[in-house]
Amino acid sequence: MAENAGQKPQQAEPETTVAKEPQQAEPETTVAKEPQQAEPEPRQRTDWKAECRKWEERAKRSEQSLRDLKAANERAASVAEAARKAGVPADVLSRMEGDPEENAAILASALAPARGYKVTRDAGEPPAQAAEPMREAARALFGGRNQ
């Protein structure tokens, strides 16, 4: 016993008389051990350079579309002004490429002969002539066609 005197006495583990089901024992021990033993899940690392490139590309596309929109608005305004000055249809002038002022002049000269005709609002009948006193007198003497 002298050999065992320097050592601490070992305690025997008490035996449990109640049999535990393994299914119930695992969740209890797992729940108790999870916060201590569980390793934190690795976080998704954000690739800031890729994010920067993505937003920079979007900004470039937005700037380009803004420039295109401004150019289209300026062209539409100049076409409308040139069409108003020359008296030509703006929708036809807008389809032509090049300088709107020059195109409006060309279009106005091309449409000029078509505009030379009078607009009649009758059914194709000849216009009524004003009564002339000499003609009326001749018709009365000699008997005109239309009496």
C-alpha atoms as a PDB file:
ATOM      1  CA  MET A   1       0.000   0.000   0.000  1.00  0.00           C
ATOM      2  CA  ALA A   2       2.898   2.235   0.303  1.00  0.00           C
ATOM      3  CA  GLU A   3       3.072   2.441  -3.414  1.00  0.00           C
ATOM      4  CA  ASN A   4      -0.532   3.501  -3.568  1.00  0.00           C
ATOM      5  CA  ALA A   5      -0.216   5.983  -0.740  1.00  0.00           C
ATOM      6  CA  GLY A   6       1.387   8.645  -2.975  1.00  0.00           C
ATOM      7  CA  GLN A   7      -1.318   8.374  -5.532  1.00  0.00           C
ATOM      8  CA  LYS A   8      -4.756   9.775  -5.252  1.00  0.00           C
ATOM      9  CA  PRO A   9      -7.437   7.259  -4.758  1.00  0.00           C
ATOM     10  CA  GLN A  10      -9.395   6.624  -7.940  1.00  0.00           C
ATOM     11  CA  GLN A  11     -13.089   6.988  -7.731  1.00  0.00           C
ATOM     12  CA  ALA A  12     -15.117   4.390  -9.399  1.00  0.00           C
ATOM     13  CA  GLU A  13     -17.779   5.604 -11.773  1.00  0.00           C
ATOM     14  CA  PRO A  14     -21.215   4.957 -10.430  1.00  0.00           C
ATOM     15  CA  GLU A  15     -23.228   2.626 -12.518  1.00  0.00           C
ATOM     16  CA  THR A  16     -26.586   3.865 -13.614  1.00  0.00           C
ATOM     17  CA  THR A  17     -29.463   1.589 -12.944  1.00  0.00           C
ATOM     18  CA  VAL A  18     -31.781   3.335 -15.388  1.00  0.00           C
ATOM     19  CA  ALA A  19     -31.082   2.340 -18.973  1.00  0.00           C
ATOM     20  CA  LYS A  20     -31.018   5.292 -21.320  1.00  0.00           C
ATOM     21  CA  GLU A  21     -31.949   5.001 -24.908  1.00  0.00           C
ATOM     22  CA  PRO A  22     -29.133   6.010 -27.245  1.00  0.00           C
ATOM     23  CA  GLN A  23     -31.436   8.341 -29.221  1.00  0.00           C
ATOM     24  CA  GLN A  24     -32.254  10.397 -26.158  1.00  0.00           C
ATOM     25  CA  ALA A  25     -28.709  10.451 -24.863  1.00  0.00           C
ATOM     26  CA  GLU A  26     -27.162  11.791 -28.080  1.00  0.00           C
ATOM     27  CA  PRO A  27     -29.222  14.953 -28.414  1.00  0.00           C
ATOM     28  CA  GLU A  28     -28.639  15.886 -24.802  1.00  0.00           C
ATOM     29  CA  THR A  29     -24.896  15.458 -25.051  1.00  0.00           C
ATOM     30  CA  THR A  30     -24.789  16.988 -28.510  1.00  0.00           C
ATOM     31  CA  VAL A  31     -26.682  20.049 -27.381  1.00  0.00           C
ATOM     32  CA  ALA A  32     -24.419  20.518 -24.429  1.00  0.00           C
ATOM     33  CA  LYS A  33     -21.233  20.066 -26.472  1.00  0.00           C
ATOM     34  CA  GLU A  34     -22.174  22.039 -29.617  1.00  0.00           C
ATOM     35  CA  PRO A  35     -21.339  25.545 -28.389  1.00  0.00           C
ATOM     36  CA  GLN A  36     -18.014  24.361 -27.038  1.00  0.00           C
ATOM     37  CA  GLN A  37     -16.898  22.045 -29.845  1.00  0.00           C
ATOM     38  CA  ALA A  38     -18.595  23.507 -32.923  1.00  0.00           C
ATOM     39  CA  GLU A  39     -16.254  25.301 -35.275  1.00  0.00           C
ATOM     40  CA  PRO A  40     -17.575  28.522 -36.715  1.00  0.00           C
ATOM     41  CA  GLU A  41     -18.638  28.221 -40.318  1.00  0.00           C
ATOM     42  CA  PRO A  42     -16.237  29.953 -42.655  1.00  0.00           C
ATOM     43  CA  ARG A  43     -17.675  33.227 -43.902  1.00  0.00           C
ATOM     44  CA  GLN A  44     -17.941  33.921 -47.570  1.00  0.00           C
ATOM     45  CA  ARG A  45     -15.151  36.302 -48.329  1.00  0.00           C
ATOM     46  CA  THR A  46     -16.185  39.232 -50.473  1.00  0.00           C
ATOM     47  CA  ASP A  47     -13.998  39.775 -53.494  1.00  0.00           C
ATOM     48  CA  TRP A  48     -13.902  43.545 -53.366  1.00  0.00           C
ATOM     49  CA  LYS A  49     -11.891  43.845 -56.573  1.00  0.00           C
ATOM     50  CA  ALA A  50     -14.511  41.875 -58.505  1.00  0.00           C
ATOM     51  CA  GLU A  51     -17.287  43.971 -56.964  1.00  0.00           C
ATOM     52  CA  CYS A  52     -15.424  47.137 -57.909  1.00  0.00           C
ATOM     53  CA  ARG A  53     -14.974  45.936 -61.507  1.00  0.00           C
ATOM     54  CA  LYS A  54     -18.658  45.019 -61.729  1.00  0.00           C
ATOM     55  CA  TRP A  55     -19.867  48.442 -60.533  1.00  0.00           C
ATOM     56  CA  GLU A  56     -17.295  50.239 -62.658  1.00  0.00           C
ATOM     57  CA  GLU A  57     -18.581  48.414 -65.746  1.00  0.00           C
ATOM     58  CA  ARG A  58     -22.169  49.340 -64.857  1.00  0.00           C
ATOM     59  CA  ALA A  59     -21.168  52.975 -64.419  1.00  0.00           C
ATOM     60  CA  LYS A  60     -19.456  53.013 -67.822  1.00  0.00           C
ATOM     61  CA  ARG A  61     -22.537  51.532 -69.493  1.00  0.00           C
ATOM     62  CA  SER A  62     -24.767  54.084 -67.760  1.00  0.00           C
ATOM     63  CA  GLU A  63     -22.538  56.970 -68.831  1.00  0.00           C
ATOM     64  CA  GLN A  64     -22.512  55.726 -72.432  1.00  0.00           C
ATOM     65  CA  SER A  65     -26.292  55.357 -72.524  1.00  0.00           C
ATOM     66  CA  LEU A  66     -26.638  58.858 -71.047  1.00  0.00           C
ATOM     67  CA  ARG A  67     -24.373  60.284 -73.784  1.00  0.00           C
ATOM     68  CA  ASP A  68     -26.379  58.439 -76.457  1.00  0.00           C
ATOM     69  CA  LEU A  69     -29.650  59.730 -75.046  1.00  0.00           C
ATOM     70  CA  LYS A  70     -28.394  63.324 -74.922  1.00  0.00           C
ATOM     71  CA  ALA A  71     -27.157  63.089 -78.530  1.00  0.00           C
ATOM     72  CA  ALA A  72     -30.507  61.685 -79.668  1.00  0.00           C
ATOM     73  CA  ASN A  73     -32.387  64.499 -77.898  1.00  0.00           C
ATOM     74  CA  GLU A  74     -30.135  67.156 -79.443  1.00  0.00           C
ATOM     75  CA  ARG A  75     -30.622  65.662 -82.912  1.00  0.00           C
ATOM     76  CA  ALA A  76     -34.404  65.499 -82.434  1.00  0.00           C
ATOM     77  CA  ALA A  77     -34.478  69.156 -81.392  1.00  0.00           C
ATOM     78  CA  SER A  78     -32.379  70.280 -84.370  1.00  0.00           C
ATOM     79  CA  VAL A  79     -34.495  68.195 -86.780  1.00  0.00           C
ATOM     80  CA  ALA A  80     -37.713  69.669 -85.389  1.00  0.00           C
ATOM     81  CA  GLU A  81     -36.349  73.214 -85.718  1.00  0.00           C
ATOM     82  CA  ALA A  82     -35.112  72.641 -89.289  1.00  0.00           C
ATOM     83  CA  ALA A  83     -38.424  71.040 -90.285  1.00  0.00           C
ATOM     84  CA  ARG A  84     -40.367  73.968 -88.842  1.00  0.00           C
ATOM     85  CA  LYS A  85     -38.202  76.527 -90.673  1.00  0.00           C
ATOM     86  CA  ALA A  86     -38.340  74.724 -94.038  1.00  0.00           C
ATOM     87  CA  GLY A  87     -41.963  73.667 -93.744  1.00  0.00           C
ATOM     88  CA  VAL A  88     -41.271  69.971 -94.308  1.00  0.00           C
ATOM     89  CA  PRO A  89     -42.525  66.946 -92.364  1.00  0.00           C
ATOM     90  CA  ALA A  90     -40.322  66.307 -89.320  1.00  0.00           C
ATOM     91  CA  ASP A  91     -40.817  62.523 -89.382  1.00  0.00           C
ATOM     92  CA  VAL A  92     -39.413  62.332 -92.938  1.00  0.00           C
ATOM     93  CA  LEU A  93     -36.549  64.662 -92.098  1.00  0.00           C
ATOM     94  CA  SER A  94     -35.648  62.660 -88.975  1.00  0.00           C
ATOM     95  CA  ARG A  95     -35.032  59.555 -91.084  1.00  0.00           C
ATOM     96  CA  MET A  96     -32.400  61.314 -93.189  1.00  0.00           C
ATOM     97  CA  GLU A  97     -28.748  61.201 -92.141  1.00  0.00           C
ATOM     98  CA  GLY A  98     -26.487  64.203 -92.148  1.00  0.00           C
ATOM     99  CA  ASP A  99     -27.059  67.852 -91.379  1.00  0.00           C
ATOM    100  CA  PRO A 100     -30.748  68.540 -90.737  1.00  0.00           C
ATOM    101  CA  GLU A 101     -30.572  72.064 -92.214  1.00  0.00           C
ATOM    102  CA  GLU A 102     -29.177  70.832 -95.540  1.00  0.00           C
ATOM    103  CA  ASN A 103     -31.581  67.909 -95.644  1.00  0.00           C
ATOM    104  CA  ALA A 104     -34.532  70.204 -94.942  1.00  0.00           C
ATOM    105  CA  ALA A 105     -33.566  72.428 -97.884  1.00  0.00           C
ATOM    106  CA  ILE A 106     -33.248  69.404-100.191  1.00  0.00           C
ATOM    107  CA  LEU A 107     -36.554  68.002 -99.014  1.00  0.00           C
ATOM    108  CA  ALA A 108     -38.303  71.361 -99.411  1.00  0.00           C
ATOM    109  CA  SER A 109     -37.086  71.680-102.999  1.00  0.00           C
ATOM    110  CA  ALA A 110     -38.162  68.123-103.784  1.00  0.00           C
ATOM    111  CA  LEU A 111     -41.631  68.695-102.363  1.00  0.00           C
ATOM    112  CA  ALA A 112     -42.114  72.156-103.949  1.00  0.00           C
ATOM    113  CA  PRO A 113     -43.779  70.955-107.212  1.00  0.00           C
ATOM    114  CA  ALA A 114     -46.232  68.842-105.282  1.00  0.00           C
ATOM    115  CA  ARG A 115     -47.265  71.870-103.271  1.00  0.00           C
ATOM    116  CA  GLY A 116     -47.939  73.975-106.423  1.00  0.00           C
ATOM    117  CA  TYR A 117     -51.391  72.549-107.003  1.00  0.00           C
ATOM    118  CA  LYS A 118     -54.422  74.271-105.588  1.00  0.00           C
ATOM    119  CA  VAL A 119     -56.550  72.451-103.143  1.00  0.00           C
ATOM    120  CA  THR A 120     -60.156  72.252-104.328  1.00  0.00           C
ATOM    121  CA  ARG A 121     -62.933  71.615-101.938  1.00  0.00           C
ATOM    122  CA  ASP A 122     -65.674  70.969-104.505  1.00  0.00           C
ATOM    123  CA  ALA A 123     -66.773  67.790-106.225  1.00  0.00           C
ATOM    124  CA  GLY A 124     -64.810  68.534-109.402  1.00  0.00           C
ATOM    125  CA  GLU A 125     -67.343  70.968-110.825  1.00  0.00           C
ATOM    126  CA  PRO A 126     -66.117  74.137-112.544  1.00  0.00           C
ATOM    127  CA  PRO A 127     -66.287  77.185-110.328  1.00  0.00           C
ATOM    128  CA  ALA A 128     -69.288  79.441-110.748  1.00  0.00           C
ATOM    129  CA  GLN A 129     -68.434  82.505-112.782  1.00  0.00           C
ATOM    130  CA  ALA A 130     -69.438  85.955-111.713  1.00  0.00           C
ATOM    131  CA  ALA A 131     -72.176  87.477-113.829  1.00  0.00           C
ATOM    132  CA  GLU A 132     -70.888  89.912-116.447  1.00  0.00           C
ATOM    133  CA  PRO A 133     -73.390  92.530-117.675  1.00  0.00           C
ATOM    134  CA  MET A 134     -72.385  92.365-121.369  1.00  0.00           C
ATOM    135  CA  ARG A 135     -72.611  88.600-121.470  1.00  0.00           C
ATOM    136  CA  GLU A 136     -75.999  88.684-119.824  1.00  0.00           C
ATOM    137  CA  ALA A 137     -77.223  91.215-122.394  1.00  0.00           C
ATOM    138  CA  ALA A 138     -76.005  89.062-125.304  1.00  0.00           C
ATOM    139  CA  ARG A 139     -77.716  86.013-123.868  1.00  0.00           C
ATOM    140  CA  ALA A 140     -80.937  87.929-123.514  1.00  0.00           C
ATOM    141  CA  LEU A 141     -80.815  89.164-127.136  1.00  0.00           C
ATOM    142  CA  PHE A 142     -79.714  86.045-128.880  1.00  0.00           C
ATOM    143  CA  GLY A 143     -80.925  83.413-126.457  1.00  0.00           C
ATOM    144  CA  GLY A 144     -78.232  81.659-124.548  1.00  0.00           C
ATOM    145  CA  ARG A 145     -77.822  78.007-123.969  1.00  0.00           C
ATOM    146  CA  ASN A 146     -78.606  78.170-120.290  1.00  0.00           C
ATOM    147  CA  GLN A 147     -81.947  79.885-119.845  1.00  0.00           C
END
